[in-house]
PDB file of N, CA and C in Angstrom:
ATOM      1  N   MET A   1     -23.055 140.013  73.184  1.00  0.00           N
ATOM      2  CA  MET A   1     -22.974 138.637  73.640  1.00  0.00           C
ATOM      3  C   MET A   1     -21.866 137.912  72.885  1.00  0.00           C
ATOM      4  N   VAL A   2     -21.102 137.125  73.590  1.00  0.00           N
ATOM      5  CA  VAL A   2     -19.978 136.409  72.999  1.00  0.00           C
ATOM      6  C   VAL A   2     -20.487 135.194  72.236  1.00  0.00           C
ATOM      7  N   ASP A   3     -19.974 135.013  71.036  1.00  0.00           N
ATOM      8  CA  ASP A   3     -20.338 133.872  70.208  1.00  0.00           C
ATOM      9  C   ASP A   3     -19.669 132.612  70.766  1.00  0.00           C
ATOM     10  N   SER A   4     -20.417 131.531  70.926  1.00  0.00           N
ATOM     11  CA  SER A   4     -19.884 130.298  71.514  1.00  0.00           C
ATOM     12  C   SER A   4     -18.786 129.673  70.667  1.00  0.00           C
ATOM     13  N   ILE A   5     -18.722 130.004  69.391  1.00  0.00           N
ATOM     14  CA  ILE A   5     -17.673 129.452  68.539  1.00  0.00           C
ATOM     15  C   ILE A   5     -16.287 129.905  68.995  1.00  0.00           C
ATOM     16  N   MET A   6     -16.223 130.992  69.749  1.00  0.00           N
ATOM     17  CA  MET A   6     -14.941 131.481  70.272  1.00  0.00           C
ATOM     18  C   MET A   6     -14.313 130.478  71.234  1.00  0.00           C
ATOM     19  N   TYR A   7     -15.116 129.609  71.822  1.00  0.00           N
ATOM     20  CA  TYR A   7     -14.618 128.644  72.791  1.00  0.00           C
ATOM     21  C   TYR A   7     -14.522 127.237  72.222  1.00  0.00           C
ATOM     22  N   GLN A   8     -14.747 127.101  70.934  1.00  0.00           N
ATOM     23  CA  GLN A   8     -14.688 125.797  70.285  1.00  0.00           C
ATOM     24  C   GLN A   8     -13.235 125.441  69.987  1.00  0.00           C
ATOM     25  N   GLU A   9     -12.841 124.232  70.339  1.00  0.00           N
ATOM     26  CA  GLU A   9     -11.489 123.746  70.088  1.00  0.00           C
ATOM     27  C   GLU A   9     -11.578 122.498  69.221  1.00  0.00           C
ATOM     28  N   ASP A  10     -11.136 122.611  67.981  1.00  0.00           N
ATOM     29  CA  ASP A  10     -11.170 121.447  67.091  1.00  0.00           C
ATOM     30  C   ASP A  10      -9.874 120.666  67.116  1.00  0.00           C
ATOM     31  N   GLY A  11      -8.788 121.353  67.351  1.00  0.00           N
ATOM     32  CA  GLY A  11      -7.489 120.697  67.341  1.00  0.00           C
ATOM     33  C   GLY A  11      -6.400 121.669  67.730  1.00  0.00           C
ATOM     34  N   TYR A  12      -5.179 121.297  67.416  1.00  0.00           N
ATOM     35  CA  TYR A  12      -4.019 122.082  67.817  1.00  0.00           C
ATOM     36  C   TYR A  12      -3.003 122.138  66.687  1.00  0.00           C
ATOM     37  N   VAL A  13      -2.279 123.228  66.640  1.00  0.00           N
ATOM     38  CA  VAL A  13      -1.082 123.331  65.808  1.00  0.00           C
ATOM     39  C   VAL A  13       0.089 123.118  66.751  1.00  0.00           C
ATOM     40  N   LEU A  14       0.942 122.159  66.433  1.00  0.00           N
ATOM     41  CA  LEU A  14       2.112 121.862  67.251  1.00  0.00           C
ATOM     42  C   LEU A  14       3.362 122.334  66.528  1.00  0.00           C
ATOM     43  N   LEU A  15       4.159 123.124  67.231  1.00  0.00           N
ATOM     44  CA  LEU A  15       5.449 123.569  66.718  1.00  0.00           C
ATOM     45  C   LEU A  15       6.538 122.914  67.551  1.00  0.00           C
ATOM     46  N   GLN A  16       7.534 122.355  66.868  1.00  0.00           N
ATOM     47  CA  GLN A  16       8.656 121.697  67.539  1.00  0.00           C
ATOM     48  C   GLN A  16       9.952 122.198  66.937  1.00  0.00           C
ATOM     49  N   ALA A  17      11.007 122.112  67.707  1.00  0.00           N
ATOM     50  CA  ALA A  17      12.320 122.501  67.208  1.00  0.00           C
ATOM     51  C   ALA A  17      12.705 121.625  66.016  1.00  0.00           C
ATOM     52  N   ASN A  18      13.130 122.270  64.951  1.00  0.00           N
ATOM     53  CA  ASN A  18      13.634 121.586  63.744  1.00  0.00           C
ATOM     54  C   ASN A  18      12.624 120.649  63.088  1.00  0.00           C
ATOM     55  N   GLN A  19      11.326 120.949  63.229  1.00  0.00           N
ATOM     56  CA  GLN A  19      10.272 120.128  62.628  1.00  0.00           C
ATOM     57  C   GLN A  19       9.244 121.042  61.964  1.00  0.00           C
ATOM     58  N   PRO A  20       8.584 120.571  60.908  1.00  0.00           N
ATOM     59  CA  PRO A  20       7.490 121.372  60.350  1.00  0.00           C
ATOM     60  C   PRO A  20       6.296 121.371  61.307  1.00  0.00           C
ATOM     61  N   GLU A  21       5.442 122.366  61.197  1.00  0.00           N
ATOM     62  CA  GLU A  21       4.269 122.410  62.075  1.00  0.00           C
ATOM     63  C   GLU A  21       3.345 121.235  61.764  1.00  0.00           C
ATOM     64  N   GLU A  22       2.627 120.781  62.787  1.00  0.00           N
ATOM     65  CA  GLU A  22       1.716 119.649  62.645  1.00  0.00           C
ATOM     66  C   GLU A  22       0.340 120.039  63.172  1.00  0.00           C
ATOM     67  N   LEU A  23      -0.707 119.599  62.486  1.00  0.00           N
ATOM     68  CA  LEU A  23      -2.069 119.722  62.995  1.00  0.00           C
ATOM     69  C   LEU A  23      -2.391 118.429  63.722  1.00  0.00           C
ATOM     70  N   MET A  24      -2.910 118.562  64.954  1.00  0.00           N
ATOM     71  CA  MET A  24      -3.181 117.385  65.776  1.00  0.00           C
ATOM     72  C   MET A  24      -4.528 117.510  66.465  1.00  0.00           C
ATOM     73  N   THR A  25      -5.140 116.360  66.711  1.00  0.00           N
ATOM     74  CA  THR A  25      -6.319 116.329  67.565  1.00  0.00           C
ATOM     75  C   THR A  25      -5.839 116.384  69.011  1.00  0.00           C
ATOM     76  N   GLU A  26      -6.766 116.544  69.923  1.00  0.00           N
ATOM     77  CA  GLU A  26      -6.397 116.573  71.342  1.00  0.00           C
ATOM     78  C   GLU A  26      -5.752 115.255  71.769  1.00  0.00           C
ATOM     79  N   SER A  27      -6.294 114.140  71.339  1.00  0.00           N
ATOM     80  CA  SER A  27      -5.726 112.844  71.745  1.00  0.00           C
ATOM     81  C   SER A  27      -4.324 112.647  71.177  1.00  0.00           C
ATOM     82  N   GLN A  28      -4.082 113.113  69.958  1.00  0.00           N
ATOM     83  CA  GLN A  28      -2.744 113.012  69.372  1.00  0.00           C
ATOM     84  C   GLN A  28      -1.746 113.861  70.146  1.00  0.00           C
ATOM     85  N   LEU A  29      -2.165 115.070  70.521  1.00  0.00           N
ATOM     86  CA  LEU A  29      -1.274 115.942  71.277  1.00  0.00           C
ATOM     87  C   LEU A  29      -1.006 115.376  72.668  1.00  0.00           C
ATOM     88  N   LEU A  30      -2.017 114.807  73.301  1.00  0.00           N
ATOM     89  CA  LEU A  30      -1.812 114.179  74.607  1.00  0.00           C
ATOM     90  C   LEU A  30      -0.807 113.028  74.512  1.00  0.00           C
ATOM     91  N   THR A  31      -0.901 112.235  73.464  1.00  0.00           N
ATOM     92  CA  THR A  31       0.043 111.138  73.254  1.00  0.00           C
ATOM     93  C   THR A  31       1.457 111.676  73.066  1.00  0.00           C
ATOM     94  N   LYS A  32       1.583 112.742  72.290  1.00  0.00           N
ATOM     95  CA  LYS A  32       2.889 113.373  72.075  1.00  0.00           C
ATOM     96  C   LYS A  32       3.455 113.904  73.393  1.00  0.00           C
ATOM     97  N   LEU A  33       2.625 114.570  74.176  1.00  0.00           N
ATOM     98  CA  LEU A  33       3.080 115.104  75.458  1.00  0.00           C
ATOM     99  C   LEU A  33       3.483 113.985  76.414  1.00  0.00           C
ATOM    100  N   GLU A  34       2.748 112.896  76.423  1.00  0.00           N
ATOM    101  CA  GLU A  34       3.114 111.749  77.268  1.00  0.00           C
ATOM    102  C   GLU A  34       4.499 111.229  76.890  1.00  0.00           C
ATOM    103  N   THR A  35       4.763 111.110  75.612  1.00  0.00           N
ATOM    104  CA  THR A  35       6.063 110.639  75.144  1.00  0.00           C
ATOM    105  C   THR A  35       7.178 111.578  75.596  1.00  0.00           C
ATOM    106  N   VAL A  36       6.952 112.868  75.446  1.00  0.00           N
ATOM    107  CA  VAL A  36       7.955 113.864  75.841  1.00  0.00           C
ATOM    108  C   VAL A  36       8.163 113.843  77.355  1.00  0.00           C
ATOM    109  N   LEU A  37       7.091 113.734  78.109  1.00  0.00           N
ATOM    110  CA  LEU A  37       7.198 113.704  79.567  1.00  0.00           C
ATOM    111  C   LEU A  37       7.949 112.465  80.057  1.00  0.00           C
ATOM    112  N   LYS A  38       7.748 111.330  79.403  1.00  0.00           N
ATOM    113  CA  LYS A  38       8.450 110.101  79.783  1.00  0.00           C
ATOM    114  C   LYS A  38       9.956 110.233  79.559  1.00  0.00           C
ATOM    115  N   GLN A  39      10.342 111.004  78.548  1.00  0.00           N
ATOM    116  CA  GLN A  39      11.757 111.161  78.210  1.00  0.00           C
ATOM    117  C   GLN A  39      12.433 112.287  78.991  1.00  0.00           C
ATOM    118  N   ALA A  40      11.637 113.160  79.615  1.00  0.00           N
ATOM    119  CA  ALA A  40      12.197 114.309  80.324  1.00  0.00           C
ATOM    120  C   ALA A  40      12.908 113.868  81.597  1.00  0.00           C
ATOM    121  N   THR A  41      14.034 114.494  81.871  1.00  0.00           N
ATOM    122  CA  THR A  41      14.792 114.157  83.076  1.00  0.00           C
ATOM    123  C   THR A  41      14.391 115.036  84.259  1.00  0.00           C
ATOM    124  N   GLU A  42      14.057 116.269  84.004  1.00  0.00           N
ATOM    125  CA  GLU A  42      13.643 117.212  85.056  1.00  0.00           C
ATOM    126  C   GLU A  42      12.283 117.786  84.708  1.00  0.00           C
ATOM    127  N   LEU A  43      11.342 117.675  85.626  1.00  0.00           N
ATOM    128  CA  LEU A  43      10.015 118.249  85.431  1.00  0.00           C
ATOM    129  C   LEU A  43       9.754 119.276  86.521  1.00  0.00           C
ATOM    130  N   PRO A  44       9.018 120.344  86.195  1.00  0.00           N
ATOM    131  CA  PRO A  44       8.638 121.301  87.234  1.00  0.00           C
ATOM    132  C   PRO A  44       7.798 120.624  88.318  1.00  0.00           C
ATOM    133  N   SER A  45       7.824 121.169  89.517  1.00  0.00           N
ATOM    134  CA  SER A  45       7.127 120.553  90.651  1.00  0.00           C
ATOM    135  C   SER A  45       5.618 120.459  90.438  1.00  0.00           C
ATOM    136  N   ASP A  46       5.024 121.424  89.732  1.00  0.00           N
ATOM    137  CA  ASP A  46       3.577 121.356  89.508  1.00  0.00           C
ATOM    138  C   ASP A  46       3.194 120.180  88.612  1.00  0.00           C
ATOM    139  N   ILE A  47       4.105 119.700  87.794  1.00  0.00           N
ATOM    140  CA  ILE A  47       3.847 118.537  86.940  1.00  0.00           C
ATOM    141  C   ILE A  47       4.180 117.244  87.679  1.00  0.00           C
ATOM    142  N   ARG A  48       5.239 117.249  88.456  1.00  0.00           N
ATOM    143  CA  ARG A  48       5.664 116.050  89.202  1.00  0.00           C
ATOM    144  C   ARG A  48       4.637 115.572  90.211  1.00  0.00           C
ATOM    145  N   LYS A  49       3.754 116.447  90.660  1.00  0.00           N
ATOM    146  CA  LYS A  49       2.791 116.052  91.694  1.00  0.00           C
ATOM    147  C   LYS A  49       1.762 115.029  91.204  1.00  0.00           C
ATOM    148  N   PHE A  50       1.659 114.838  89.895  1.00  0.00           N
ATOM    149  CA  PHE A  50       0.705 113.869  89.345  1.00  0.00           C
ATOM    150  C   PHE A  50       1.360 112.494  89.249  1.00  0.00           C
ATOM    151  N   ALA A  51       0.587 111.479  89.573  1.00  0.00           N
ATOM    152  CA  ALA A  51       1.123 110.114  89.686  1.00  0.00           C
ATOM    153  C   ALA A  51       1.428 109.468  88.340  1.00  0.00           C
ATOM    154  N   THR A  52       0.610 109.720  87.337  1.00  0.00           N
ATOM    155  CA  THR A  52       0.798 109.053  86.051  1.00  0.00           C
ATOM    156  C   THR A  52       1.192 110.052  84.971  1.00  0.00           C
ATOM    157  N   THR A  53       1.809 109.526  83.942  1.00  0.00           N
ATOM    158  CA  THR A  53       2.196 110.356  82.800  1.00  0.00           C
ATOM    159  C   THR A  53       0.964 110.892  82.085  1.00  0.00           C
ATOM    160  N   THR A  54      -0.113 110.125  82.060  1.00  0.00           N
ATOM    161  CA  THR A  54      -1.355 110.567  81.427  1.00  0.00           C
ATOM    162  C   THR A  54      -1.913 111.793  82.150  1.00  0.00           C
ATOM    163  N   GLU A  55      -1.929 111.763  83.476  1.00  0.00           N
ATOM    164  CA  GLU A  55      -2.393 112.912  84.253  1.00  0.00           C
ATOM    165  C   GLU A  55      -1.473 114.122  84.050  1.00  0.00           C
ATOM    166  N   GLN A  56      -0.184 113.867  83.981  1.00  0.00           N
ATOM    167  CA  GLN A  56       0.766 114.948  83.745  1.00  0.00           C
ATOM    168  C   GLN A  56       0.531 115.591  82.384  1.00  0.00           C
ATOM    169  N   ALA A  57       0.329 114.774  81.359  1.00  0.00           N
ATOM    170  CA  ALA A  57       0.109 115.285  80.009  1.00  0.00           C
ATOM    171  C   ALA A  57      -1.167 116.118  79.942  1.00  0.00           C
ATOM    172  N   LYS A  58      -2.222 115.662  80.576  1.00  0.00           N
ATOM    173  CA  LYS A  58      -3.485 116.417  80.598  1.00  0.00           C
ATOM    174  C   LYS A  58      -3.289 117.760  81.305  1.00  0.00           C
ATOM    175  N   TYR A  59      -2.561 117.756  82.406  1.00  0.00           N
ATOM    176  CA  TYR A  59      -2.281 118.995  83.134  1.00  0.00           C
ATOM    177  C   TYR A  59      -1.480 119.967  82.268  1.00  0.00           C
ATOM    178  N   VAL A  60      -0.459 119.456  81.593  1.00  0.00           N
ATOM    179  CA  VAL A  60       0.365 120.308  80.726  1.00  0.00           C
ATOM    180  C   VAL A  60      -0.487 120.878  79.596  1.00  0.00           C
ATOM    181  N   LEU A  61      -1.315 120.073  78.983  1.00  0.00           N
ATOM    182  CA  LEU A  61      -2.180 120.537  77.901  1.00  0.00           C
ATOM    183  C   LEU A  61      -3.124 121.635  78.374  1.00  0.00           C
ATOM    184  N   ASP A  62      -3.686 121.476  79.558  1.00  0.00           N
ATOM    185  CA  ASP A  62      -4.665 122.435  80.078  1.00  0.00           C
ATOM    186  C   ASP A  62      -4.038 123.701  80.659  1.00  0.00           C
ATOM    187  N   ASN A  63      -2.773 123.647  81.062  1.00  0.00           N
ATOM    188  CA  ASN A  63      -2.180 124.768  81.789  1.00  0.00           C
ATOM    189  C   ASN A  63      -0.952 125.399  81.142  1.00  0.00           C
ATOM    190  N   TYR A  64      -0.438 124.807  80.110  1.00  0.00           N
ATOM    191  CA  TYR A  64       0.736 125.329  79.419  1.00  0.00           C
ATOM    192  C   TYR A  64       0.383 125.545  77.949  1.00  0.00           C
ATOM    193  N   CYS A  65       1.177 126.329  77.265  1.00  0.00           N
ATOM    194  CA  CYS A  65       1.062 126.414  75.808  1.00  0.00           C
ATOM    195  C   CYS A  65       2.431 126.166  75.172  1.00  0.00           C
ATOM    196  N   GLU A  66       3.429 125.960  76.018  1.00  0.00           N
ATOM    197  CA  GLU A  66       4.747 125.563  75.545  1.00  0.00           C
ATOM    198  C   GLU A  66       5.435 124.758  76.633  1.00  0.00           C
ATOM    199  N   PHE A  67       6.316 123.893  76.196  1.00  0.00           N
ATOM    200  CA  PHE A  67       7.023 123.037  77.135  1.00  0.00           C
ATOM    201  C   PHE A  67       8.417 122.792  76.586  1.00  0.00           C
ATOM    202  N   ASN A  68       9.407 122.975  77.434  1.00  0.00           N
ATOM    203  CA  ASN A  68      10.790 122.855  77.017  1.00  0.00           C
ATOM    204  C   ASN A  68      11.541 121.935  77.977  1.00  0.00           C
ATOM    205  N   PRO A  69      11.395 120.619  77.807  1.00  0.00           N
ATOM    206  CA  PRO A  69      12.037 119.696  78.742  1.00  0.00           C
ATOM    207  C   PRO A  69      13.560 119.689  78.633  1.00  0.00           C
ATOM    208  N   ASN A  70      14.080 120.029  77.462  1.00  0.00           N
ATOM    209  CA  ASN A  70      15.527 120.167  77.272  1.00  0.00           C
ATOM    210  C   ASN A  70      15.780 121.025  76.034  1.00  0.00           C
ATOM    211  N   ASP A  71      17.015 121.342  75.779  1.00  0.00           N
ATOM    212  CA  ASP A  71      17.346 122.243  74.672  1.00  0.00           C
ATOM    213  C   ASP A  71      17.011 121.678  73.303  1.00  0.00           C
ATOM    214  N   ASP A  72      16.942 120.368  73.186  1.00  0.00           N
ATOM    215  CA  ASP A  72      16.692 119.737  71.881  1.00  0.00           C
ATOM    216  C   ASP A  72      15.221 119.457  71.601  1.00  0.00           C
ATOM    217  N   ASN A  73      14.344 119.663  72.571  1.00  0.00           N
ATOM    218  CA  ASN A  73      12.960 119.236  72.411  1.00  0.00           C
ATOM    219  C   ASN A  73      11.988 120.312  72.884  1.00  0.00           C
ATOM    220  N   TYR A  74      11.900 121.394  72.157  1.00  0.00           N
ATOM    221  CA  TYR A  74      11.015 122.495  72.489  1.00  0.00           C
ATOM    222  C   TYR A  74       9.667 122.282  71.806  1.00  0.00           C
ATOM    223  N   LEU A  75       8.575 122.370  72.571  1.00  0.00           N
ATOM    224  CA  LEU A  75       7.222 122.222  72.026  1.00  0.00           C
ATOM    225  C   LEU A  75       6.408 123.464  72.324  1.00  0.00           C
ATOM    226  N   GLN A  76       5.582 123.854  71.362  1.00  0.00           N
ATOM    227  CA  GLN A  76       4.652 124.964  71.546  1.00  0.00           C
ATOM    228  C   GLN A  76       3.389 124.598  70.765  1.00  0.00           C
ATOM    229  N   TRP A  77       2.207 124.869  71.351  1.00  0.00           N
ATOM    230  CA  TRP A  77       0.959 124.499  70.674  1.00  0.00           C
ATOM    231  C   TRP A  77      -0.091 125.586  70.840  1.00  0.00           C
ATOM    232  N   TYR A  78      -0.995 125.610  69.860  1.00  0.00           N
ATOM    233  CA  TYR A  78      -2.077 126.593  69.819  1.00  0.00           C
ATOM    234  C   TYR A  78      -3.375 125.896  69.439  1.00  0.00           C
ATOM    235  N   VAL A  79      -4.454 126.323  70.024  1.00  0.00           N
ATOM    236  CA  VAL A  79      -5.779 125.810  69.682  1.00  0.00           C
ATOM    237  C   VAL A  79      -6.188 126.373  68.320  1.00  0.00           C
ATOM    238  N   VAL A  80      -6.809 125.527  67.494  1.00  0.00           N
ATOM    239  CA  VAL A  80      -7.302 125.969  66.201  1.00  0.00           C
ATOM    240  C   VAL A  80      -8.703 125.404  65.956  1.00  0.00           C
ATOM    241  N   ARG A  81      -9.428 126.067  65.073  1.00  0.00           N
ATOM    242  CA  ARG A  81     -10.706 125.559  64.588  1.00  0.00           C
ATOM    243  C   ARG A  81     -10.499 125.141  63.142  1.00  0.00           C
ATOM    244  N   TRP A  82     -11.032 123.972  62.782  1.00  0.00           N
ATOM    245  CA  TRP A  82     -10.828 123.476  61.421  1.00  0.00           C
ATOM    246  C   TRP A  82     -11.631 124.282  60.412  1.00  0.00           C
ATOM    247  N   ASN A  83     -12.855 124.704  60.788  1.00  0.00           N
ATOM    248  CA  ASN A  83     -13.715 125.455  59.870  1.00  0.00           C
ATOM    249  C   ASN A  83     -14.141 126.763  60.499  1.00  0.00           C
ATOM    250  N   LYS A  84     -14.448 127.708  59.649  1.00  0.00           N
ATOM    251  CA  LYS A  84     -14.904 129.010  60.095  1.00  0.00           C
ATOM    252  C   LYS A  84     -16.341 128.958  60.541  1.00  0.00           C
TER     253      LYS A  84
END
């Protein structure tokens, strides 16, 4: 039987180009993604179909693990648990 702790998400590690790694909560990462999405000039069609930046950010968080809106702003994130 699979232990339910395997599906527990406490937060995220965010990796960005030319930045140290950051530990973030889900709400912090969503805010970061919203900011990046607002600044992006070209978005994939699956992201553009959402009306608001908040909906787009939630979709990206749930369906992507990296996002590269341009050469200077590469993001990659991983789910982490704070405690064992």
